[in-house]
Protein backbone atom coordinates (compact mmCIF):
# COMPACT_ATOMS: atom_id res chain seq x y z
CA MET A 1 31.25 -63.39 -62.14
CA THR A 2 35.00 -61.74 -62.29
CA LYS A 3 33.79 -58.52 -60.14
CA ILE A 4 31.97 -60.82 -57.57
CA LEU A 5 34.94 -62.77 -57.07
CA ASP A 6 37.17 -60.10 -56.75
CA LYS A 7 34.82 -58.88 -54.26
CA TRP A 8 35.18 -62.07 -52.50
CA ARG A 9 38.96 -61.91 -52.49
CA GLU A 10 39.27 -58.52 -51.19
CA ASN A 11 36.79 -59.56 -48.24
CA ASP A 12 39.06 -63.04 -47.96
CA ALA A 13 41.89 -60.60 -46.91
CA SER A 14 39.94 -60.47 -43.31
CA PHE A 15 39.15 -63.92 -43.45
CA ILE A 16 41.09 -66.43 -40.83
CA ARG A 17 41.73 -70.25 -42.10
CA THR A 18 40.36 -72.04 -39.69
CA THR A 19 39.95 -75.94 -38.96
CA ALA A 20 36.63 -76.30 -40.80
CA ALA A 21 37.70 -74.18 -43.59
CA THR A 22 40.62 -76.60 -44.33
CA LYS A 23 38.43 -79.47 -43.85
CA VAL A 24 36.03 -78.49 -46.14
CA PHE A 25 38.65 -77.95 -48.69
CA GLU A 26 39.95 -81.34 -48.47
CA CYS A 27 36.22 -82.39 -48.85
CA VAL A 28 35.11 -80.63 -51.83
CA GLN A 29 38.72 -81.84 -53.32
CA GLN A 30 37.73 -85.63 -52.34
CA ASN A 31 33.58 -85.62 -53.22
CA SER A 32 31.69 -84.09 -55.82
CA CYS A 33 28.85 -82.41 -53.70
CA VAL A 34 29.60 -80.56 -50.45
CA THR A 35 27.26 -79.20 -48.13
CA ILE A 36 28.22 -76.29 -44.99
CA THR A 37 25.61 -75.67 -42.50
CA ALA A 38 25.72 -74.01 -39.29
CA SER A 39 23.52 -71.16 -37.76
CA SER A 40 23.80 -67.69 -38.57
CA GLY A 41 26.71 -65.39 -37.88
CA VAL A 42 29.24 -68.52 -37.28
CA GLY A 43 31.07 -68.13 -40.59
CA LYS A 44 29.28 -70.37 -43.26
CA THR A 45 29.36 -67.65 -46.16
CA ALA A 46 32.87 -66.66 -45.33
CA THR A 47 34.12 -70.45 -45.14
CA LEU A 48 32.00 -71.14 -48.44
CA GLN A 49 33.89 -68.08 -50.44
CA HIS A 50 37.42 -68.95 -49.22
CA VAL A 51 37.00 -72.40 -50.27
CA VAL A 52 35.56 -71.65 -53.37
CA LEU A 53 38.48 -68.77 -54.34
CA GLU A 54 41.12 -71.90 -53.52
CA MET A 55 39.02 -74.19 -55.94
CA ALA A 56 39.54 -70.99 -58.45
CA ASP A 57 43.25 -71.09 -57.83
CA GLU A 58 43.37 -74.67 -58.45
CA GLY A 59 42.13 -74.14 -61.81
CA TYR A 60 38.51 -74.49 -61.51
CA ASP A 61 35.69 -72.44 -63.14
CA VAL A 62 33.56 -70.97 -60.59
CA LEU A 63 29.55 -70.47 -61.37
CA LEU A 64 27.59 -68.96 -58.87
CA VAL A 65 23.90 -70.51 -59.52
CA ASN A 66 20.47 -69.57 -58.13
CA ASN A 67 18.93 -72.61 -59.53
CA PRO A 68 19.15 -76.48 -60.70
CA TYR A 69 18.60 -75.56 -64.12
CA ASP A 70 21.45 -73.47 -64.54
CA ILE A 71 23.67 -76.41 -63.36
CA VAL A 72 22.17 -78.56 -66.53
CA LYS A 73 22.57 -75.61 -68.93
CA PHE A 74 26.10 -74.44 -67.94
CA TYR A 75 27.66 -78.09 -67.21
CA ASN A 76 30.63 -78.75 -69.44
CA PRO A 77 32.06 -82.09 -69.25
CA ASN A 78 35.54 -81.04 -70.61
CA LYS A 79 36.22 -78.68 -67.98
CA ARG A 80 36.83 -78.27 -64.10
CA THR A 81 33.78 -76.65 -62.85
CA LEU A 82 32.40 -75.52 -59.47
CA PHE A 83 28.96 -74.78 -59.08
CA VAL A 84 28.33 -72.97 -55.84
CA ILE A 85 24.90 -71.66 -54.03
CA ASP A 86 24.80 -69.78 -51.01
CA ASP A 87 21.73 -69.75 -48.81
CA PHE A 88 20.36 -73.18 -50.23
CA CYS A 89 16.75 -73.71 -50.13
CA GLU A 90 16.12 -70.09 -48.60
CA THR A 91 17.59 -68.11 -45.62
CA TYR A 92 15.12 -69.43 -42.83
CA SER A 93 12.88 -72.13 -44.00
CA ILE A 94 12.78 -74.47 -47.18
CA ASN A 95 11.34 -72.58 -49.81
CA GLN A 96 8.71 -75.18 -51.58
CA SER A 97 9.21 -73.42 -55.31
CA ASP A 98 12.78 -74.45 -54.43
CA LEU A 99 12.05 -78.27 -53.91
CA HIS A 100 9.82 -78.07 -56.78
CA ASN A 101 12.40 -76.68 -59.05
CA TRP A 102 15.19 -79.48 -57.56
CA LYS A 103 12.86 -82.67 -57.71
CA PRO A 104 12.56 -83.11 -61.68
CA VAL A 105 15.89 -82.53 -61.99
CA ILE A 106 18.07 -83.87 -59.47
CA LYS A 107 18.42 -87.08 -60.85
CA ARG A 108 20.04 -85.72 -63.80
CA ILE A 109 22.50 -83.63 -61.72
CA VAL A 110 23.52 -86.75 -59.97
CA GLU A 111 24.29 -88.08 -63.39
CA LEU A 112 26.76 -84.90 -64.27
CA ILE A 113 28.40 -84.76 -60.80
CA GLN A 114 29.65 -88.80 -61.78
CA ASN A 115 32.34 -86.62 -63.83
CA LYS A 116 34.86 -86.00 -61.58
CA LEU A 117 35.64 -82.47 -63.37
CA THR A 118 32.30 -81.34 -61.81
CA LYS A 119 31.79 -80.43 -58.19
CA ILE A 120 28.77 -78.21 -56.14
CA ILE A 121 29.25 -76.66 -52.84
CA VAL A 122 26.33 -75.10 -50.98
CA ALA A 123 25.94 -73.19 -47.74
CA CYS A 124 22.39 -73.40 -46.18
CA ARG A 125 21.41 -72.83 -42.70
CA LEU A 126 21.46 -75.41 -40.01
CA GLN A 127 17.67 -75.44 -39.38
CA VAL A 128 17.16 -75.74 -43.21
CA TYR A 129 19.21 -78.66 -43.56
CA LYS A 130 17.74 -80.08 -40.40
CA ASP A 131 13.89 -79.44 -42.03
CA GLU A 132 12.78 -83.25 -42.92
CA GLN A 133 11.59 -82.00 -46.27
CA PHE A 134 15.44 -81.53 -47.14
CA GLU A 135 15.64 -85.48 -47.21
CA SER A 136 14.23 -85.74 -50.82
CA LEU A 137 17.52 -83.40 -51.59
CA SER A 138 19.76 -86.40 -50.24
CA ILE A 139 22.52 -85.66 -52.91
CA PHE A 140 23.27 -82.91 -50.22
CA ARG A 141 23.43 -84.67 -47.12
CA THR A 142 26.18 -86.83 -48.51
CA ASN A 143 29.37 -84.60 -47.42
CA VAL A 144 28.24 -82.45 -44.92
CA CYS A 145 30.54 -80.07 -42.64
CA ASN A 146 28.27 -78.77 -39.80
CA LEU A 147 30.79 -75.84 -38.32
CA LEU A 148 28.84 -76.30 -35.19
CA SER A 149 30.31 -80.03 -34.60
CA GLU A 150 32.81 -80.89 -32.21
CA ASP A 151 35.74 -81.34 -34.99
CA LEU A 152 34.94 -78.12 -36.86
CA CYS A 153 33.39 -75.91 -34.23
CA LEU A 154 35.89 -72.76 -33.35
CA SER A 155 38.65 -73.51 -31.19
CA GLN A 156 39.63 -70.72 -28.50
CA THR A 157 42.85 -69.78 -30.42
CA GLU A 158 41.09 -69.38 -33.57
CA LYS A 159 38.48 -67.36 -31.92
CA ASN A 160 41.27 -64.93 -30.37
CA LEU A 161 42.88 -64.66 -33.66
CA ILE A 162 39.11 -63.51 -35.32
CA ALA A 163 38.90 -60.94 -32.17
CA GLU A 164 42.57 -59.40 -32.87
CA LYS A 165 41.89 -59.39 -36.34
CA TYR A 166 38.42 -57.24 -36.78
CA MET A 167 38.79 -55.59 -32.64
CA GLU A 168 43.08 -55.10 -33.07
CA ALA A 169 43.65 -53.29 -29.52
CA LYS A 170 40.18 -53.86 -27.84
CA ALA A 171 40.47 -57.79 -28.52
CA SER A 172 41.46 -58.36 -24.90
CA ASP A 173 38.20 -56.57 -23.58
CA ILE A 174 35.78 -59.20 -25.26
CA ILE A 175 37.99 -62.44 -25.52
CA LYS A 176 36.66 -63.86 -22.50
CA TYR A 177 32.79 -63.46 -23.88
CA SER A 178 33.79 -65.40 -27.00
CA GLY A 179 32.02 -68.48 -25.67
CA LEU A 180 28.62 -66.75 -25.07
CA PHE A 181 27.40 -66.91 -28.24
CA ASP A 182 27.71 -69.03 -31.69
CA CYS A 183 27.67 -66.09 -33.54
CA PHE A 184 31.09 -64.51 -32.59
CA PRO A 185 32.57 -64.19 -35.61
CA LEU A 186 29.51 -62.09 -36.82
CA LEU A 187 29.75 -60.19 -33.69
CA CYS A 188 33.11 -59.18 -34.26
CA LYS A 189 32.18 -57.84 -37.88
CA LEU A 190 29.34 -56.33 -36.59
CA TYR A 191 31.51 -54.28 -34.13
CA HIS A 192 34.13 -53.34 -36.49
CA ASP A 193 31.62 -51.97 -38.92
CA ASN A 194 30.00 -49.82 -35.98
CA PRO A 195 32.49 -49.27 -33.53
CA THR A 196 30.62 -46.61 -31.56
CA LEU A 197 28.96 -49.66 -29.64
CA ASN A 198 30.10 -50.47 -26.29
CA ASN A 199 32.01 -53.25 -26.84
CA THR A 200 31.47 -54.86 -23.71
CA ASP A 201 27.97 -54.80 -23.69
CA PHE A 202 27.39 -55.60 -27.11
CA PHE A 203 29.60 -59.07 -26.68
CA GLN A 204 27.76 -59.68 -23.69
CA ASN A 205 23.92 -58.92 -25.06
CA PRO A 206 24.20 -58.99 -28.85
CA PHE A 207 20.16 -58.63 -28.80
CA SER A 208 19.89 -56.98 -32.18
CA VAL A 209 21.50 -59.74 -33.89
CA TYR A 210 19.17 -61.90 -32.55
CA GLU A 211 16.24 -59.73 -32.79
CA ALA A 212 16.65 -59.35 -36.20
CA GLU A 213 16.56 -62.66 -36.77
CA VAL A 214 13.45 -63.06 -35.24
CA ASP A 215 12.01 -60.11 -36.80
CA GLN A 216 13.18 -62.21 -40.04
CA LEU A 217 10.83 -65.27 -38.95
CA LYS A 218 7.82 -62.83 -38.94
CA LYS A 219 8.31 -60.97 -41.81
CA ASN A 220 8.95 -63.87 -43.78
CA LYS A 221 5.62 -65.08 -42.20
CA LEU A 222 6.90 -68.16 -41.42
CA PHE A 223 4.63 -67.86 -38.53
CA SER A 224 5.12 -71.53 -37.16
CA LYS A 225 8.96 -71.36 -36.16
CA TYR A 226 8.02 -67.84 -34.90
CA CYS A 227 5.92 -69.19 -32.50
CA ALA A 228 7.86 -72.31 -31.54
CA LEU A 229 10.35 -69.88 -29.87
CA ALA A 230 7.20 -67.86 -28.49
CA LEU A 231 6.10 -70.99 -27.08
CA CYS A 232 9.64 -71.26 -25.15
CA VAL A 233 9.09 -67.93 -23.33
CA MET A 234 5.40 -68.78 -22.49
CA PHE A 235 6.93 -71.95 -20.90
CA ASN A 236 9.49 -70.36 -18.74
CA ASN A 237 12.43 -71.90 -21.22
CA LYS A 238 11.33 -75.59 -20.32
CA LEU A 239 9.09 -76.29 -22.82
CA GLU A 240 8.07 -80.04 -22.70
CA GLU A 241 7.58 -82.42 -25.51
CA GLU A 242 4.67 -83.50 -24.16
CA VAL A 243 3.03 -80.49 -24.29
CA LEU A 244 2.67 -80.60 -28.14
CA ALA A 245 2.35 -84.43 -28.81
CA ASP A 246 0.18 -85.60 -26.30
CA ASP A 247 -3.65 -84.86 -24.77
CA ILE A 248 -3.26 -82.26 -22.22
CA ASP A 249 -5.42 -79.64 -19.51
CA THR A 250 -7.53 -77.32 -20.98
CA VAL A 251 -5.34 -74.47 -19.03
CA THR A 252 -2.16 -75.47 -20.94
CA ARG A 253 -4.11 -76.07 -24.43
CA THR A 254 -5.44 -72.38 -23.84
CA ILE A 255 -2.34 -71.17 -23.46
CA ILE A 256 -0.69 -72.76 -26.71
CA GLU A 257 -3.84 -71.61 -28.43
CA ASN A 258 -3.53 -68.05 -26.99
CA THR A 259 0.21 -67.97 -28.54
CA PHE A 260 -0.62 -69.34 -31.74
CA GLU A 261 -3.30 -66.83 -32.50
CA ALA A 262 -0.75 -63.75 -31.18
CA CYS A 263 1.69 -65.49 -33.76
CA ARG A 264 -0.72 -65.17 -36.56
CA LEU A 265 -1.03 -69.21 -36.38
CA ASP A 266 -4.21 -70.81 -36.73
CA LYS A 267 -5.34 -72.76 -33.63
CA GLY A 268 -5.90 -75.80 -35.19
CA THR A 269 -2.04 -76.09 -35.49
CA SER A 270 -1.06 -79.57 -34.96
CA GLY A 271 1.33 -79.59 -31.87
CA LEU A 272 3.48 -81.90 -34.28
CA THR A 273 3.98 -79.09 -36.65
CA LEU A 274 5.79 -77.12 -33.68
CA LEU A 275 7.87 -80.06 -32.62
CA ASP A 276 9.05 -80.44 -36.27
CA GLU A 277 10.09 -76.51 -36.16
CA LEU A 278 11.38 -76.62 -32.91
CA ASP A 279 13.86 -79.85 -34.29
CA SER A 280 14.66 -77.57 -37.19
CA LEU A 281 15.69 -74.58 -34.50
CA GLU A 282 18.04 -76.66 -32.83
CA GLN A 283 21.48 -75.42 -32.22
CA THR A 284 20.57 -72.07 -33.83
CA PHE A 285 18.22 -70.99 -31.11
CA ILE A 286 17.27 -74.36 -29.41
CA LYS A 287 18.26 -77.85 -27.48
CA LYS A 288 16.55 -80.52 -26.54
CA ASP A 289 17.37 -82.03 -23.24
CA GLN A 290 15.57 -85.09 -22.10
CA CYS A 291 12.33 -84.39 -24.13
CA VAL A 292 12.58 -80.38 -22.84
CA TYR A 293 13.39 -77.48 -25.27
CA LYS A 294 15.08 -74.82 -23.99
CA THR A 295 17.25 -71.87 -25.61
CA VAL A 296 21.28 -72.97 -26.37
CA HIS A 297 22.18 -70.76 -24.10
CA ASP A 298 20.34 -68.70 -20.92
CA LYS A 299 21.30 -65.10 -22.42
CA LEU A 300 19.40 -66.19 -25.62
CA PHE A 301 16.53 -66.67 -23.37
CA ASP A 302 16.90 -63.47 -21.79
CA VAL A 303 16.93 -62.14 -25.48
CA LEU A 304 13.82 -63.83 -26.77
CA SER A 305 11.40 -63.25 -23.26
CA PHE A 306 12.39 -59.27 -23.85
CA TYR A 307 11.64 -59.58 -27.50
CA PHE A 308 8.25 -61.25 -26.96
CA GLY A 309 7.74 -59.36 -23.91
CA LYS A 310 7.51 -56.46 -26.02
CA SER A 311 5.98 -57.57 -29.31
CA MET A 312 3.41 -60.05 -27.71
CA ASN A 313 2.81 -57.75 -24.40
CA GLN A 314 -0.80 -59.10 -23.59
CA CYS A 315 -0.29 -62.69 -24.48
CA LEU A 316 3.03 -62.81 -22.17
CA ILE A 317 1.22 -61.46 -19.34
CA ARG A 318 -1.95 -63.33 -19.70
CA ASN A 319 0.00 -66.40 -20.67
CA ALA A 320 3.43 -66.95 -19.29
CA HIS A 321 4.32 -69.27 -16.72
CA SER A 322 4.03 -67.26 -13.53
CA GLN A 323 8.07 -67.41 -12.68
CA CYS A 324 8.67 -65.54 -16.14
CA ILE A 325 6.46 -63.17 -15.20
CA MET A 326 7.85 -62.73 -11.62
CA GLU A 327 11.36 -62.84 -12.74
CA ARG A 328 10.79 -60.67 -16.11
CA ILE A 329 8.31 -58.27 -15.83
CA LEU A 330 8.24 -54.72 -14.03
CA LEU A 331 5.37 -51.89 -13.96
CA GLU A 332 8.26 -49.05 -14.14
CA ARG A 333 12.17 -49.36 -14.52
CA GLU A 334 14.16 -49.37 -11.49
CA LYS A 335 17.83 -47.82 -11.42
CA ASP A 336 20.19 -50.30 -12.29
CA MET A 337 17.96 -52.91 -13.36
CA ASP A 338 18.80 -55.75 -15.99
CA GLN A 339 18.41 -54.64 -19.59
CA PHE A 340 16.43 -57.39 -20.63
CA ILE A 341 13.34 -56.76 -17.86
CA THR A 342 10.07 -55.70 -19.85
CA ILE A 343 8.66 -52.77 -18.76
CA VAL A 344 4.49 -52.90 -19.15
CA PRO A 345 3.12 -50.39 -20.90
CA PRO A 346 0.59 -48.25 -18.57
CA LYS A 347 -2.83 -49.39 -20.42
CA TYR A 348 -1.92 -53.03 -19.69
CA HIS A 349 -0.97 -52.23 -15.86
CA GLU A 350 -4.37 -53.58 -14.88
CA MET A 351 -4.10 -56.65 -16.56
CA TYR A 352 -0.97 -57.32 -14.82
CA ILE A 353 -1.98 -56.53 -11.57
CA GLN A 354 -4.98 -58.70 -12.42
CA ARG A 355 -2.70 -61.97 -13.24
CA MET A 356 -0.75 -61.35 -10.28
CA VAL A 357 -3.50 -61.64 -7.88
CA ASN A 358 -5.14 -64.47 -9.89
CA ASP A 359 -1.51 -66.31 -9.35
CA TRP A 360 -1.62 -65.35 -5.58
CA SER A 361 -5.06 -66.39 -4.83
CA ASN A 362 -4.35 -69.77 -6.84
CA GLY A 363 -1.33 -70.40 -3.98
CA LYS A 364 1.46 -69.41 -6.59
CA VAL A 365 4.37 -67.92 -5.61
CA VAL A 366 4.42 -64.29 -6.63
CA THR A 367 6.77 -62.58 -3.83
CA VAL A 368 9.78 -61.26 -5.51
CA PHE A 369 7.95 -59.33 -8.26
CA CYS A 370 5.42 -58.17 -5.72
CA ASN A 371 7.84 -56.83 -3.50
CA ILE A 372 9.61 -54.77 -6.20
CA ASN A 373 6.34 -53.51 -7.95
CA MET A 374 5.35 -52.73 -4.22
CA ALA A 375 7.37 -49.56 -3.87
CA ASN A 376 4.67 -48.09 -6.52
CA PRO A 377 2.08 -46.23 -4.57
CA GLN A 378 -0.21 -46.58 -7.46
CA PHE A 379 0.32 -50.43 -7.75
CA ARG A 380 0.36 -51.47 -3.96
CA GLN A 381 -2.94 -49.49 -3.71
CA ARG A 382 -4.66 -51.79 -6.93
CA PHE A 383 -3.31 -54.56 -5.48
CA LEU A 384 -4.42 -54.18 -1.62
CA CYS A 385 -8.17 -53.43 -3.47
CA TYR A 386 -7.88 -56.74 -5.42
CA LEU A 387 -6.95 -58.74 -2.46
CA ASN A 388 -10.01 -57.23 -0.51
CA ILE A 389 -12.07 -57.54 -3.37
CA LEU A 390 -11.31 -61.40 -3.56
CA ASP A 391 -11.41 -61.58 0.40
């Protein structure tokens, strides 16, 4: 434990004390149980560690625990003790085994922290905190510090200080991009650790950060969350709540079921399950505006459409909204084209042309990507051939 805290102190040398950190410290001093929540890269862990070190300086014994039984086991009514859990209830979704572990002892722990000398601080992802199953752990909803909330989010001054700490002379180059992504603190650290990156490109388009996040959903077999993001792409960043909640037409149902299959999700999965997952992803990937789900910012949609354009190429070509196909998919790379344009592999060229012809024959506007691809003689010949067949 001492070695871990020593490492934390070493890392804390780079920490910029924020309004959020001050608030969390005050909250822990005044309450027995505090939860820090936010999306990835905002600074949950750094804030947790900073506050824990401050509490250690106040005379608290710090105990990092992995399960609730450790709290009962190491409880000492006569000593100031701060129990600490980072990535509470797992990283991407609530782990059922964690819930089973907590339920039998949660009442006992509530009793233990009535002793003013005993405190608990946890940090968890916002999507985990917002999971409806988290409600069974109501003790961790009593005092919540959401680092994305209006009163705790980073101010521009704090962002400037963070940039200067990590970027030094290059800070002025990237300050103007500090409002693009919530994970700005993480981006500063990642760049500091890998300064060979092009700083302006990285801070404008931190694809690798979000790609890793979505990859983890898939690797951890959280296919319903993975599918929720894919559906946002399929519906061109305008996924209406009623599409998943109400009876829908055959075409829309087919699109959803095909996306389920591509995401390794059972076709019989309830749309309500996907709505719950979308709600759990709010503020991290998703926002909800008048019953319509979309990404928290347009740049993130660029990232997601490019990601699924690569990982689910066939599904995207066959099922995505026509405008998504029109704006984001080409047969060949063009000079100075946007980095988030998906290039169709040769083996799917025929499928792509057929999709465009189908849209054309159904009266949908395909002019933009038609004009771009018409520069390709092979494409032009195939496309005109298909049109002749239709005639």
